Amino acid sequence: MSDNVAGDVRLQRQLSFLLEIDRLKQVLRRTLIVDGSRRENDAEHSWHIALYAAILHEHAPDPKPELGRVIRMLLIHDLVEIDAGDTFAYDTIGYQDKAEREEAAATRLFGLLPEDQALEWRALWQEFEEGETAEARYAAALDRLQPMLHNFHTDGHSWKLNGVTLSQAVARLRVLEEACPPLWTFATDMLRQSVERGYLKEE
């Protein structure tokens, strides 16, 4: 960094955080990109669902979730996986210590920022995890919708590899029912088609 940047502690911390989160591009998910050529990484996923939030916002129930807050939430919701790794949605063993691993990661990563920003962004991440606000529910709905679409368009790739059943997929996507009812209707129809095509097990 230049001498000017090095002398500005706040800016130095902000840039250190931004450089550190470049590592999110190296965290691979189980989901393939839509053309089936490779696995998606977490940074691509975060960018993609931030766009989902903007494009599909009109379908959210009134009063609409605050879009800027949702987008910021989605851009940072998986940063903890830099340290904690990606836990597959249907991995019951991995979920046993997921919260503990991700809390430690949040403390380290957001702690790189100046204190006021560390508190602000950590709280936003926590809001997503708790899923109690309209913004968090809408964000979570999109976080679950996108991999379902990828699975459908890659012939159920990660579903088949992991023996995922219809009931598991329905439970995972249930947040859509309240957060965005039109998307829930769409998702349940796509899951039905997935069973018919052999992408998902019926039981």
N, C-alpha and C. Protein backbone atom coordinates (compact mmCIF):
# COMPACT_ATOMS: atom_id res chain seq x y z
N MET A 1 0.84 -1.18 0.00
CA MET A 1 0.00 0.00 0.00
C MET A 1 0.88 1.24 0.00
N SER A 2 0.36 2.34 -0.51
CA SER A 2 1.13 3.58 -0.55
C SER A 2 1.31 4.11 0.86
N ASP A 3 2.26 5.05 1.03
CA ASP A 3 2.49 5.64 2.34
C ASP A 3 1.24 6.33 2.85
N ASN A 4 0.50 7.00 1.94
CA ASN A 4 -0.72 7.70 2.35
C ASN A 4 -1.73 6.73 2.94
N VAL A 5 -1.92 5.59 2.26
CA VAL A 5 -2.87 4.59 2.74
C VAL A 5 -2.38 3.99 4.05
N ALA A 6 -1.10 3.68 4.12
CA ALA A 6 -0.53 3.06 5.31
C ALA A 6 -0.71 3.96 6.53
N GLY A 7 -0.72 5.27 6.31
CA GLY A 7 -0.87 6.22 7.40
C GLY A 7 -2.30 6.41 7.84
N ASP A 8 -3.24 5.95 7.06
CA ASP A 8 -4.66 6.09 7.38
C ASP A 8 -5.17 4.74 7.88
N VAL A 9 -5.21 4.59 9.19
CA VAL A 9 -5.52 3.29 9.78
C VAL A 9 -6.90 2.79 9.36
N ARG A 10 -7.87 3.69 9.31
CA ARG A 10 -9.24 3.28 8.94
C ARG A 10 -9.26 2.73 7.51
N LEU A 11 -8.68 3.45 6.60
CA LEU A 11 -8.65 3.02 5.20
C LEU A 11 -7.86 1.72 5.07
N GLN A 12 -6.78 1.61 5.81
CA GLN A 12 -5.96 0.40 5.76
C GLN A 12 -6.78 -0.82 6.20
N ARG A 13 -7.57 -0.67 7.25
CA ARG A 13 -8.40 -1.78 7.73
C ARG A 13 -9.49 -2.13 6.71
N GLN A 14 -10.08 -1.13 6.11
CA GLN A 14 -11.11 -1.38 5.10
C GLN A 14 -10.55 -2.15 3.91
N LEU A 15 -9.38 -1.71 3.46
CA LEU A 15 -8.77 -2.39 2.31
C LEU A 15 -8.29 -3.80 2.67
N SER A 16 -7.83 -3.98 3.89
CA SER A 16 -7.42 -5.32 4.33
C SER A 16 -8.62 -6.27 4.31
N PHE A 17 -9.77 -5.78 4.77
CA PHE A 17 -10.98 -6.58 4.73
C PHE A 17 -11.36 -6.92 3.29
N LEU A 18 -11.33 -5.93 2.41
CA LEU A 18 -11.71 -6.16 1.02
C LEU A 18 -10.77 -7.13 0.32
N LEU A 19 -9.49 -7.08 0.65
CA LEU A 19 -8.55 -8.04 0.08
C LEU A 19 -8.78 -9.44 0.65
N GLU A 20 -9.08 -9.52 1.94
CA GLU A 20 -9.31 -10.83 2.57
C GLU A 20 -10.53 -11.53 1.98
N ILE A 21 -11.59 -10.79 1.70
CA ILE A 21 -12.81 -11.44 1.22
C ILE A 21 -12.70 -11.88 -0.24
N ASP A 22 -11.60 -11.53 -0.90
CA ASP A 22 -11.35 -12.11 -2.23
C ASP A 22 -11.29 -13.63 -2.16
N ARG A 23 -10.97 -14.15 -0.99
CA ARG A 23 -10.88 -15.60 -0.80
C ARG A 23 -12.22 -16.31 -0.99
N LEU A 24 -13.32 -15.56 -0.95
CA LEU A 24 -14.64 -16.18 -1.15
C LEU A 24 -14.73 -16.80 -2.54
N LYS A 25 -13.95 -16.29 -3.48
CA LYS A 25 -13.94 -16.82 -4.84
C LYS A 25 -13.37 -18.23 -4.90
N GLN A 26 -12.69 -18.64 -3.84
CA GLN A 26 -12.08 -19.98 -3.81
C GLN A 26 -12.94 -21.01 -3.10
N VAL A 27 -14.04 -20.58 -2.48
CA VAL A 27 -14.92 -21.50 -1.75
C VAL A 27 -15.93 -22.09 -2.73
N LEU A 28 -15.80 -23.39 -2.98
CA LEU A 28 -16.67 -24.05 -3.95
C LEU A 28 -17.91 -24.62 -3.29
N ARG A 29 -19.03 -24.45 -3.97
CA ARG A 29 -20.30 -25.00 -3.54
C ARG A 29 -20.54 -26.36 -4.20
N ARG A 30 -21.54 -27.09 -3.75
CA ARG A 30 -21.87 -28.37 -4.37
C ARG A 30 -22.61 -28.17 -5.69
N THR A 31 -23.24 -27.01 -5.83
CA THR A 31 -24.07 -26.73 -7.00
C THR A 31 -23.21 -26.42 -8.22
N LEU A 32 -23.62 -26.96 -9.37
CA LEU A 32 -22.96 -26.61 -10.63
C LEU A 32 -23.52 -25.30 -11.16
N ILE A 33 -22.72 -24.58 -11.97
CA ILE A 33 -23.29 -23.48 -12.73
C ILE A 33 -24.23 -24.08 -13.77
N VAL A 34 -25.11 -23.26 -14.33
CA VAL A 34 -26.23 -23.78 -15.11
C VAL A 34 -25.80 -24.59 -16.32
N ASP A 35 -24.65 -24.26 -16.93
CA ASP A 35 -24.23 -25.05 -18.10
C ASP A 35 -23.61 -26.39 -17.70
N GLY A 36 -23.48 -26.65 -16.41
CA GLY A 36 -23.00 -27.94 -15.93
C GLY A 36 -21.51 -28.16 -16.04
N SER A 37 -20.75 -27.12 -16.41
CA SER A 37 -19.33 -27.31 -16.70
C SER A 37 -18.43 -27.33 -15.47
N ARG A 38 -18.88 -26.74 -14.37
CA ARG A 38 -18.04 -26.70 -13.16
C ARG A 38 -18.90 -26.31 -11.97
N ARG A 39 -18.30 -26.42 -10.78
CA ARG A 39 -18.98 -26.01 -9.56
C ARG A 39 -18.98 -24.48 -9.42
N GLU A 40 -20.02 -24.00 -8.84
CA GLU A 40 -20.15 -22.57 -8.57
C GLU A 40 -19.32 -22.22 -7.33
N ASN A 41 -18.77 -21.01 -7.30
CA ASN A 41 -18.11 -20.58 -6.07
C ASN A 41 -19.01 -19.61 -5.30
N ASP A 42 -18.66 -19.38 -4.05
CA ASP A 42 -19.51 -18.58 -3.16
C ASP A 42 -19.67 -17.14 -3.62
N ALA A 43 -18.62 -16.57 -4.19
CA ALA A 43 -18.71 -15.17 -4.64
C ALA A 43 -19.69 -15.05 -5.79
N GLU A 44 -19.65 -16.01 -6.71
CA GLU A 44 -20.60 -16.02 -7.83
C GLU A 44 -22.03 -16.18 -7.31
N HIS A 45 -22.20 -17.06 -6.36
CA HIS A 45 -23.53 -17.29 -5.77
C HIS A 45 -24.06 -16.00 -5.13
N SER A 46 -23.22 -15.32 -4.38
CA SER A 46 -23.65 -14.10 -3.68
C SER A 46 -24.04 -13.01 -4.66
N TRP A 47 -23.23 -12.84 -5.70
CA TRP A 47 -23.56 -11.85 -6.74
C TRP A 47 -24.88 -12.21 -7.42
N HIS A 48 -25.06 -13.49 -7.70
CA HIS A 48 -26.23 -13.94 -8.45
C HIS A 48 -27.51 -13.70 -7.67
N ILE A 49 -27.51 -14.05 -6.38
CA ILE A 49 -28.75 -13.88 -5.63
C ILE A 49 -29.01 -12.42 -5.26
N ALA A 50 -27.97 -11.59 -5.23
CA ALA A 50 -28.21 -10.15 -5.08
C ALA A 50 -29.00 -9.62 -6.27
N LEU A 51 -28.69 -10.14 -7.47
CA LEU A 51 -29.46 -9.76 -8.65
C LEU A 51 -30.86 -10.37 -8.61
N TYR A 52 -30.98 -11.58 -8.12
CA TYR A 52 -32.32 -12.17 -7.92
C TYR A 52 -33.18 -11.22 -7.08
N ALA A 53 -32.59 -10.69 -6.00
CA ALA A 53 -33.35 -9.81 -5.10
C ALA A 53 -33.89 -8.60 -5.82
N ALA A 54 -33.06 -8.01 -6.68
CA ALA A 54 -33.48 -6.82 -7.41
C ALA A 54 -34.52 -7.14 -8.47
N ILE A 55 -34.29 -8.19 -9.23
CA ILE A 55 -35.17 -8.52 -10.36
C ILE A 55 -36.53 -9.03 -9.89
N LEU A 56 -36.56 -9.78 -8.79
CA LEU A 56 -37.79 -10.42 -8.33
C LEU A 56 -38.52 -9.65 -7.23
N HIS A 57 -38.02 -8.48 -6.89
CA HIS A 57 -38.55 -7.72 -5.76
C HIS A 57 -40.04 -7.44 -5.89
N GLU A 58 -40.53 -7.24 -7.11
CA GLU A 58 -41.95 -6.93 -7.31
C GLU A 58 -42.86 -8.05 -6.83
N HIS A 59 -42.34 -9.28 -6.71
CA HIS A 59 -43.15 -10.41 -6.30
C HIS A 59 -43.22 -10.59 -4.79
N ALA A 60 -42.40 -9.85 -4.05
CA ALA A 60 -42.43 -9.94 -2.59
C ALA A 60 -43.73 -9.31 -2.08
N PRO A 61 -44.29 -9.83 -1.00
CA PRO A 61 -45.55 -9.27 -0.47
C PRO A 61 -45.34 -7.88 0.11
N ASP A 62 -46.42 -7.12 0.15
CA ASP A 62 -46.39 -5.79 0.77
C ASP A 62 -46.52 -5.93 2.30
N PRO A 63 -45.87 -5.06 3.05
CA PRO A 63 -44.93 -4.03 2.60
C PRO A 63 -43.62 -4.66 2.12
N LYS A 64 -43.11 -4.16 1.01
CA LYS A 64 -41.92 -4.75 0.41
C LYS A 64 -40.72 -4.67 1.34
N PRO A 65 -39.90 -5.71 1.38
CA PRO A 65 -38.64 -5.61 2.12
C PRO A 65 -37.76 -4.52 1.51
N GLU A 66 -36.96 -3.88 2.35
CA GLU A 66 -36.10 -2.79 1.89
C GLU A 66 -34.98 -3.37 1.04
N LEU A 67 -34.99 -3.06 -0.25
CA LEU A 67 -34.14 -3.76 -1.22
C LEU A 67 -32.66 -3.54 -0.96
N GLY A 68 -32.26 -2.30 -0.65
CA GLY A 68 -30.84 -2.05 -0.41
C GLY A 68 -30.30 -2.89 0.72
N ARG A 69 -31.11 -3.05 1.77
CA ARG A 69 -30.68 -3.86 2.91
C ARG A 69 -30.57 -5.33 2.53
N VAL A 70 -31.54 -5.80 1.74
CA VAL A 70 -31.51 -7.19 1.28
C VAL A 70 -30.26 -7.46 0.45
N ILE A 71 -29.96 -6.58 -0.48
CA ILE A 71 -28.80 -6.77 -1.35
C ILE A 71 -27.50 -6.79 -0.55
N ARG A 72 -27.37 -5.88 0.39
CA ARG A 72 -26.16 -5.87 1.22
C ARG A 72 -26.07 -7.17 2.03
N MET A 73 -27.19 -7.62 2.55
CA MET A 73 -27.23 -8.87 3.31
C MET A 73 -26.75 -10.05 2.46
N LEU A 74 -27.25 -10.10 1.23
CA LEU A 74 -26.89 -11.22 0.36
C LEU A 74 -25.43 -11.17 -0.07
N LEU A 75 -24.90 -9.99 -0.23
CA LEU A 75 -23.50 -9.88 -0.65
C LEU A 75 -22.53 -10.36 0.43
N ILE A 76 -22.97 -10.30 1.70
CA ILE A 76 -22.04 -10.69 2.78
C ILE A 76 -22.46 -11.96 3.51
N HIS A 77 -23.61 -12.55 3.16
CA HIS A 77 -24.14 -13.64 3.99
C HIS A 77 -23.25 -14.87 4.03
N ASP A 78 -22.46 -15.10 2.99
CA ASP A 78 -21.60 -16.29 2.96
C ASP A 78 -20.12 -15.99 3.21
N LEU A 79 -19.79 -14.77 3.59
CA LEU A 79 -18.38 -14.45 3.84
C LEU A 79 -17.75 -15.37 4.88
N VAL A 80 -18.56 -15.78 5.85
CA VAL A 80 -18.02 -16.62 6.93
C VAL A 80 -17.48 -17.95 6.39
N GLU A 81 -17.91 -18.34 5.20
CA GLU A 81 -17.46 -19.62 4.66
C GLU A 81 -16.00 -19.57 4.20
N ILE A 82 -15.41 -18.38 4.18
CA ILE A 82 -13.96 -18.27 3.94
C ILE A 82 -13.21 -19.08 4.99
N ASP A 83 -13.65 -18.99 6.24
CA ASP A 83 -13.04 -19.75 7.33
C ASP A 83 -13.77 -21.05 7.62
N ALA A 84 -15.09 -20.99 7.59
CA ALA A 84 -15.91 -22.13 8.05
C ALA A 84 -16.15 -23.16 6.97
N GLY A 85 -15.92 -22.81 5.71
CA GLY A 85 -16.20 -23.72 4.61
C GLY A 85 -17.68 -23.74 4.30
N ASP A 86 -18.01 -24.28 3.13
CA ASP A 86 -19.40 -24.41 2.72
C ASP A 86 -19.99 -25.68 3.32
N THR A 87 -21.09 -25.53 4.04
CA THR A 87 -21.79 -26.68 4.60
C THR A 87 -22.97 -26.99 3.69
N PHE A 88 -22.96 -28.17 3.10
CA PHE A 88 -24.03 -28.54 2.17
C PHE A 88 -25.38 -28.49 2.88
N ALA A 89 -26.38 -27.97 2.19
CA ALA A 89 -27.70 -27.74 2.79
C ALA A 89 -28.29 -28.97 3.46
N TYR A 90 -27.98 -30.17 2.95
CA TYR A 90 -28.59 -31.39 3.47
C TYR A 90 -27.61 -32.24 4.29
N ASP A 91 -26.52 -31.63 4.73
CA ASP A 91 -25.50 -32.33 5.51
C ASP A 91 -25.82 -32.20 7.00
N THR A 92 -26.52 -33.18 7.55
CA THR A 92 -26.96 -33.10 8.95
C THR A 92 -25.78 -33.13 9.92
N ILE A 93 -24.72 -33.85 9.57
CA ILE A 93 -23.54 -33.89 10.44
C ILE A 93 -22.83 -32.54 10.43
N GLY A 94 -22.64 -31.98 9.23
CA GLY A 94 -21.98 -30.68 9.11
C GLY A 94 -22.71 -29.57 9.85
N TYR A 95 -24.03 -29.69 9.94
CA TYR A 95 -24.83 -28.65 10.60
C TYR A 95 -24.69 -28.68 12.12
N GLN A 96 -24.15 -29.77 12.67
CA GLN A 96 -24.04 -29.87 14.12
C GLN A 96 -23.13 -28.78 14.71
N ASP A 97 -22.06 -28.45 14.00
CA ASP A 97 -21.17 -27.40 14.52
C ASP A 97 -21.08 -26.20 13.57
N LYS A 98 -22.02 -26.11 12.63
CA LYS A 98 -22.00 -25.02 11.65
C LYS A 98 -22.07 -23.65 12.33
N ALA A 99 -23.01 -23.48 13.24
CA ALA A 99 -23.19 -22.18 13.89
C ALA A 99 -21.92 -21.76 14.63
N GLU A 100 -21.30 -22.69 15.33
CA GLU A 100 -20.08 -22.38 16.08
C GLU A 100 -18.94 -21.96 15.13
N ARG A 101 -18.77 -22.71 14.05
CA ARG A 101 -17.72 -22.38 13.09
C ARG A 101 -17.95 -21.02 12.44
N GLU A 102 -19.20 -20.74 12.11
CA GLU A 102 -19.51 -19.50 11.40
C GLU A 102 -19.46 -18.29 12.33
N GLU A 103 -19.82 -18.46 13.60
CA GLU A 103 -19.70 -17.36 14.56
C GLU A 103 -18.24 -16.95 14.72
N ALA A 104 -17.36 -17.93 14.83
CA ALA A 104 -15.93 -17.63 14.96
C ALA A 104 -15.41 -16.93 13.71
N ALA A 105 -15.87 -17.38 12.55
CA ALA A 105 -15.46 -16.75 11.30
C ALA A 105 -15.96 -15.32 11.21
N ALA A 106 -17.20 -15.08 11.63
CA ALA A 106 -17.75 -13.73 11.60
C ALA A 106 -16.95 -12.80 12.50
N THR A 107 -16.56 -13.29 13.66
CA THR A 107 -15.77 -12.47 14.59
C THR A 107 -14.45 -12.07 13.96
N ARG A 108 -13.79 -13.01 13.31
CA ARG A 108 -12.50 -12.69 12.70
C ARG A 108 -12.65 -11.77 11.49
N LEU A 109 -13.53 -12.14 10.58
CA LEU A 109 -13.62 -11.41 9.30
C LEU A 109 -14.16 -10.00 9.47
N PHE A 110 -15.29 -9.86 10.14
CA PHE A 110 -15.83 -8.52 10.33
C PHE A 110 -14.96 -7.70 11.27
N GLY A 111 -14.21 -8.40 12.12
CA GLY A 111 -13.28 -7.71 13.01
C GLY A 111 -12.12 -7.04 12.30
N LEU A 112 -11.91 -7.36 11.04
CA LEU A 112 -10.88 -6.69 10.26
C LEU A 112 -11.26 -5.24 9.95
N LEU A 113 -12.55 -4.94 9.95
CA LEU A 113 -13.04 -3.61 9.62
C LEU A 113 -12.87 -2.65 10.81
N PRO A 114 -12.94 -1.34 10.54
CA PRO A 114 -13.02 -0.38 11.65
C PRO A 114 -14.22 -0.73 12.54
N GLU A 115 -14.15 -0.39 13.80
CA GLU A 115 -15.13 -0.89 14.77
C GLU A 115 -16.57 -0.59 14.40
N ASP A 116 -16.86 0.62 13.93
CA ASP A 116 -18.25 0.95 13.61
C ASP A 116 -18.78 0.10 12.46
N GLN A 117 -17.95 -0.11 11.44
CA GLN A 117 -18.36 -0.94 10.31
C GLN A 117 -18.41 -2.41 10.69
N ALA A 118 -17.49 -2.83 11.55
CA ALA A 118 -17.50 -4.21 12.02
C ALA A 118 -18.83 -4.53 12.71
N LEU A 119 -19.29 -3.63 13.56
CA LEU A 119 -20.56 -3.83 14.26
C LEU A 119 -21.73 -3.81 13.29
N GLU A 120 -21.72 -2.87 12.35
CA GLU A 120 -22.81 -2.74 11.38
C GLU A 120 -22.95 -3.99 10.51
N TRP A 121 -21.84 -4.45 9.93
CA TRP A 121 -21.90 -5.58 8.99
C TRP A 121 -22.10 -6.90 9.71
N ARG A 122 -21.53 -7.03 10.91
CA ARG A 122 -21.76 -8.23 11.71
C ARG A 122 -23.24 -8.33 12.08
N ALA A 123 -23.85 -7.21 12.43
CA ALA A 123 -25.27 -7.21 12.78
C ALA A 123 -26.13 -7.58 11.58
N LEU A 124 -25.75 -7.13 10.40
CA LEU A 124 -26.49 -7.47 9.19
C LEU A 124 -26.39 -8.97 8.90
N TRP A 125 -25.19 -9.52 9.06
CA TRP A 125 -25.01 -10.96 8.90
C TRP A 125 -25.86 -11.73 9.92
N GLN A 126 -25.86 -11.26 11.16
CA GLN A 126 -26.64 -11.91 12.21
C GLN A 126 -28.14 -11.86 11.91
N GLU A 127 -28.59 -10.73 11.37
CA GLU A 127 -29.99 -10.59 10.99
C GLU A 127 -30.39 -11.65 9.95
N PHE A 128 -29.51 -11.86 8.97
CA PHE A 128 -29.78 -12.90 7.97
C PHE A 128 -29.87 -14.27 8.63
N GLU A 129 -28.93 -14.56 9.52
CA GLU A 129 -28.90 -15.87 10.17
C GLU A 129 -30.15 -16.11 11.02
N GLU A 130 -30.64 -15.09 11.68
CA GLU A 130 -31.80 -15.25 12.56
C GLU A 130 -33.10 -15.36 11.77
N GLY A 131 -33.15 -14.73 10.60
CA GLY A 131 -34.28 -14.89 9.69
C GLY A 131 -35.62 -14.39 10.21
N GLU A 132 -35.60 -13.35 11.02
CA GLU A 132 -36.84 -12.88 11.63
C GLU A 132 -37.44 -11.66 10.95
N THR A 133 -36.65 -10.87 10.24
CA THR A 133 -37.18 -9.68 9.58
C THR A 133 -37.65 -10.03 8.17
N ALA A 134 -38.48 -9.16 7.61
CA ALA A 134 -38.95 -9.37 6.23
C ALA A 134 -37.77 -9.42 5.27
N GLU A 135 -36.76 -8.58 5.51
CA GLU A 135 -35.59 -8.55 4.65
C GLU A 135 -34.81 -9.86 4.73
N ALA A 136 -34.64 -10.37 5.94
CA ALA A 136 -33.89 -11.62 6.12
C ALA A 136 -34.64 -12.80 5.51
N ARG A 137 -35.96 -12.81 5.65
CA ARG A 137 -36.75 -13.91 5.07
C ARG A 137 -36.71 -13.88 3.55
N TYR A 138 -36.81 -12.69 2.97
CA TYR A 138 -36.74 -12.57 1.52
C TYR A 138 -35.36 -12.99 1.03
N ALA A 139 -34.32 -12.55 1.71
CA ALA A 139 -32.95 -12.93 1.35
C ALA A 139 -32.76 -14.44 1.44
N ALA A 140 -33.25 -15.05 2.51
CA ALA A 140 -33.11 -16.50 2.69
C ALA A 140 -33.87 -17.26 1.61
N ALA A 141 -35.04 -16.74 1.23
CA ALA A 141 -35.83 -17.39 0.19
C ALA A 141 -35.06 -17.45 -1.12
N LEU A 142 -34.39 -16.38 -1.47
CA LEU A 142 -33.62 -16.34 -2.72
C LEU A 142 -32.38 -17.21 -2.62
N ASP A 143 -31.78 -17.25 -1.44
CA ASP A 143 -30.61 -18.09 -1.20
C ASP A 143 -30.94 -19.57 -1.42
N ARG A 144 -32.20 -19.93 -1.24
CA ARG A 144 -32.63 -21.32 -1.42
C ARG A 144 -33.23 -21.57 -2.80
N LEU A 145 -33.82 -20.53 -3.37
CA LEU A 145 -34.39 -20.67 -4.71
C LEU A 145 -33.31 -20.91 -5.77
N GLN A 146 -32.23 -20.14 -5.70
CA GLN A 146 -31.21 -20.20 -6.75
C GLN A 146 -30.59 -21.58 -6.92
N PRO A 147 -30.16 -22.25 -5.84
CA PRO A 147 -29.60 -23.60 -6.05
C PRO A 147 -30.63 -24.61 -6.55
N MET A 148 -31.91 -24.41 -6.19
CA MET A 148 -32.94 -25.29 -6.73
C MET A 148 -33.01 -25.16 -8.25
N LEU A 149 -32.97 -23.93 -8.73
CA LEU A 149 -32.99 -23.70 -10.18
C LEU A 149 -31.77 -24.32 -10.85
N HIS A 150 -30.61 -24.18 -10.23
CA HIS A 150 -29.39 -24.77 -10.78
C HIS A 150 -29.49 -26.29 -10.82
N ASN A 151 -30.02 -26.87 -9.75
CA ASN A 151 -30.20 -28.32 -9.73
C ASN A 151 -31.14 -28.78 -10.83
N PHE A 152 -32.24 -28.08 -10.99
CA PHE A 152 -33.20 -28.46 -12.01
C PHE A 152 -32.57 -28.42 -13.39
N HIS A 153 -31.79 -27.39 -13.65
CA HIS A 153 -31.22 -27.20 -14.99
C HIS A 153 -29.91 -27.96 -15.21
N THR A 154 -29.46 -28.70 -14.17
CA THR A 154 -28.31 -29.61 -14.34
C THR A 154 -28.76 -31.05 -14.05
N ASP A 155 -30.02 -31.32 -14.33
CA ASP A 155 -30.59 -32.67 -14.18
C ASP A 155 -30.47 -33.22 -12.77
N GLY A 156 -30.60 -32.32 -11.80
CA GLY A 156 -30.58 -32.75 -10.40
C GLY A 156 -29.21 -33.15 -9.89
N HIS A 157 -28.15 -32.56 -10.42
CA HIS A 157 -26.78 -32.99 -10.14
C HIS A 157 -26.49 -33.22 -8.65
N SER A 158 -26.56 -32.16 -7.85
CA SER A 158 -26.18 -32.34 -6.44
C SER A 158 -27.26 -33.07 -5.65
N TRP A 159 -28.51 -32.97 -6.08
CA TRP A 159 -29.57 -33.76 -5.44
C TRP A 159 -29.28 -35.25 -5.60
N LYS A 160 -28.96 -35.66 -6.82
CA LYS A 160 -28.70 -37.08 -7.08
C LYS A 160 -27.46 -37.56 -6.33
N LEU A 161 -26.40 -36.76 -6.35
CA LEU A 161 -25.16 -37.18 -5.69
C LEU A 161 -25.35 -37.42 -4.20
N ASN A 162 -26.30 -36.71 -3.62
CA ASN A 162 -26.48 -36.77 -2.17
C ASN A 162 -27.79 -37.41 -1.75
N GLY A 163 -28.50 -38.01 -2.72
CA GLY A 163 -29.72 -38.74 -2.40
C GLY A 163 -30.82 -37.89 -1.76
N VAL A 164 -30.94 -36.64 -2.20
CA VAL A 164 -31.92 -35.72 -1.61
C VAL A 164 -33.34 -36.15 -2.00
N THR A 165 -34.25 -36.07 -1.04
CA THR A 165 -35.64 -36.46 -1.27
C THR A 165 -36.52 -35.22 -1.45
N LEU A 166 -37.69 -35.47 -1.99
CA LEU A 166 -38.66 -34.38 -2.18
C LEU A 166 -38.98 -33.71 -0.85
N SER A 167 -39.22 -34.48 0.18
CA SER A 167 -39.58 -33.88 1.47
C SER A 167 -38.46 -33.00 2.01
N GLN A 168 -37.21 -33.39 1.80
CA GLN A 168 -36.09 -32.56 2.23
C GLN A 168 -36.06 -31.25 1.45
N ALA A 169 -36.27 -31.33 0.14
CA ALA A 169 -36.25 -30.13 -0.69
C ALA A 169 -37.39 -29.19 -0.33
N VAL A 170 -38.56 -29.75 -0.08
CA VAL A 170 -39.71 -28.93 0.31
C VAL A 170 -39.43 -28.22 1.63
N ALA A 171 -38.89 -28.93 2.60
CA ALA A 171 -38.56 -28.32 3.89
C ALA A 171 -37.55 -27.19 3.73
N ARG A 172 -36.59 -27.41 2.87
CA ARG A 172 -35.55 -26.40 2.64
C ARG A 172 -36.13 -25.13 2.00
N LEU A 173 -37.11 -25.30 1.14
CA LEU A 173 -37.67 -24.17 0.39
C LEU A 173 -38.90 -23.55 1.06
N ARG A 174 -39.32 -24.09 2.19
CA ARG A 174 -40.56 -23.64 2.83
C ARG A 174 -40.55 -22.14 3.14
N VAL A 175 -39.39 -21.55 3.37
CA VAL A 175 -39.32 -20.12 3.67
C VAL A 175 -39.93 -19.27 2.56
N LEU A 176 -39.97 -19.79 1.33
CA LEU A 176 -40.56 -19.06 0.21
C LEU A 176 -42.05 -18.82 0.41
N GLU A 177 -42.72 -19.71 1.13
CA GLU A 177 -44.17 -19.64 1.25
C GLU A 177 -44.62 -18.31 1.85
N GLU A 178 -43.92 -17.86 2.88
CA GLU A 178 -44.26 -16.58 3.51
C GLU A 178 -43.51 -15.42 2.87
N ALA A 179 -42.24 -15.64 2.54
CA ALA A 179 -41.40 -14.54 2.06
C ALA A 179 -41.77 -14.07 0.66
N CYS A 180 -42.26 -14.98 -0.17
CA CYS A 180 -42.59 -14.62 -1.56
C CYS A 180 -43.51 -15.68 -2.15
N PRO A 181 -44.80 -15.61 -1.85
CA PRO A 181 -45.74 -16.68 -2.25
C PRO A 181 -45.71 -17.05 -3.73
N PRO A 182 -45.59 -16.11 -4.67
CA PRO A 182 -45.53 -16.55 -6.08
C PRO A 182 -44.34 -17.45 -6.36
N LEU A 183 -43.22 -17.20 -5.69
CA LEU A 183 -42.04 -18.04 -5.88
C LEU A 183 -42.23 -19.41 -5.24
N TRP A 184 -43.00 -19.48 -4.16
CA TRP A 184 -43.31 -20.77 -3.54
C TRP A 184 -44.13 -21.63 -4.50
N THR A 185 -45.13 -21.02 -5.14
CA THR A 185 -45.94 -21.74 -6.12
C THR A 185 -45.07 -22.26 -7.25
N PHE A 186 -44.18 -21.40 -7.74
CA PHE A 186 -43.26 -21.78 -8.80
C PHE A 186 -42.35 -22.92 -8.35
N ALA A 187 -41.81 -22.81 -7.14
CA ALA A 187 -40.86 -23.80 -6.64
C ALA A 187 -41.52 -25.16 -6.45
N THR A 188 -42.73 -25.20 -5.91
CA THR A 188 -43.38 -26.49 -5.68
C THR A 188 -43.70 -27.17 -7.01
N ASP A 189 -44.04 -26.40 -8.03
CA ASP A 189 -44.27 -26.99 -9.35
C ASP A 189 -42.97 -27.56 -9.92
N MET A 190 -41.85 -26.82 -9.72
CA MET A 190 -40.57 -27.30 -10.23
C MET A 190 -40.11 -28.55 -9.49
N LEU A 191 -40.39 -28.62 -8.20
CA LEU A 191 -40.04 -29.83 -7.44
C LEU A 191 -40.85 -31.02 -7.93
N ARG A 192 -42.12 -30.80 -8.22
CA ARG A 192 -42.95 -31.89 -8.75
C ARG A 192 -42.37 -32.40 -10.07
N GLN A 193 -41.98 -31.47 -10.94
CA GLN A 193 -41.36 -31.86 -12.21
C GLN A 193 -40.04 -32.60 -11.97
N SER A 194 -39.31 -32.19 -10.94
CA SER A 194 -38.03 -32.84 -10.64
C SER A 194 -38.20 -34.29 -10.24
N VAL A 195 -39.26 -34.58 -9.50
CA VAL A 195 -39.57 -35.96 -9.13
C VAL A 195 -39.93 -36.75 -10.39
N GLU A 196 -40.77 -36.17 -11.23
CA GLU A 196 -41.20 -36.85 -12.46
C GLU A 196 -40.02 -37.17 -13.37
N ARG A 197 -39.01 -36.30 -13.37
CA ARG A 197 -37.85 -36.49 -14.24
C ARG A 197 -36.75 -37.32 -13.59
N GLY A 198 -36.94 -37.69 -12.35
CA GLY A 198 -35.94 -38.50 -11.66
C GLY A 198 -34.80 -37.72 -11.06
N TYR A 199 -34.95 -36.40 -10.93
CA TYR A 199 -33.90 -35.57 -10.33
C TYR A 199 -33.92 -35.68 -8.81
N LEU A 200 -35.11 -35.87 -8.23
CA LEU A 200 -35.29 -35.98 -6.80
C LEU A 200 -35.95 -37.30 -6.47
N LYS A 201 -35.58 -37.89 -5.34
CA LYS A 201 -36.29 -39.07 -4.85
C LYS A 201 -37.65 -38.64 -4.29
N GLU A 202 -38.66 -39.47 -4.48
CA GLU A 202 -39.99 -39.09 -3.99
C GLU A 202 -40.10 -39.19 -2.48
N GLU A 203 -39.34 -40.08 -1.87
CA GLU A 203 -39.41 -40.23 -0.41
C GLU A 203 -38.02 -40.05 0.18
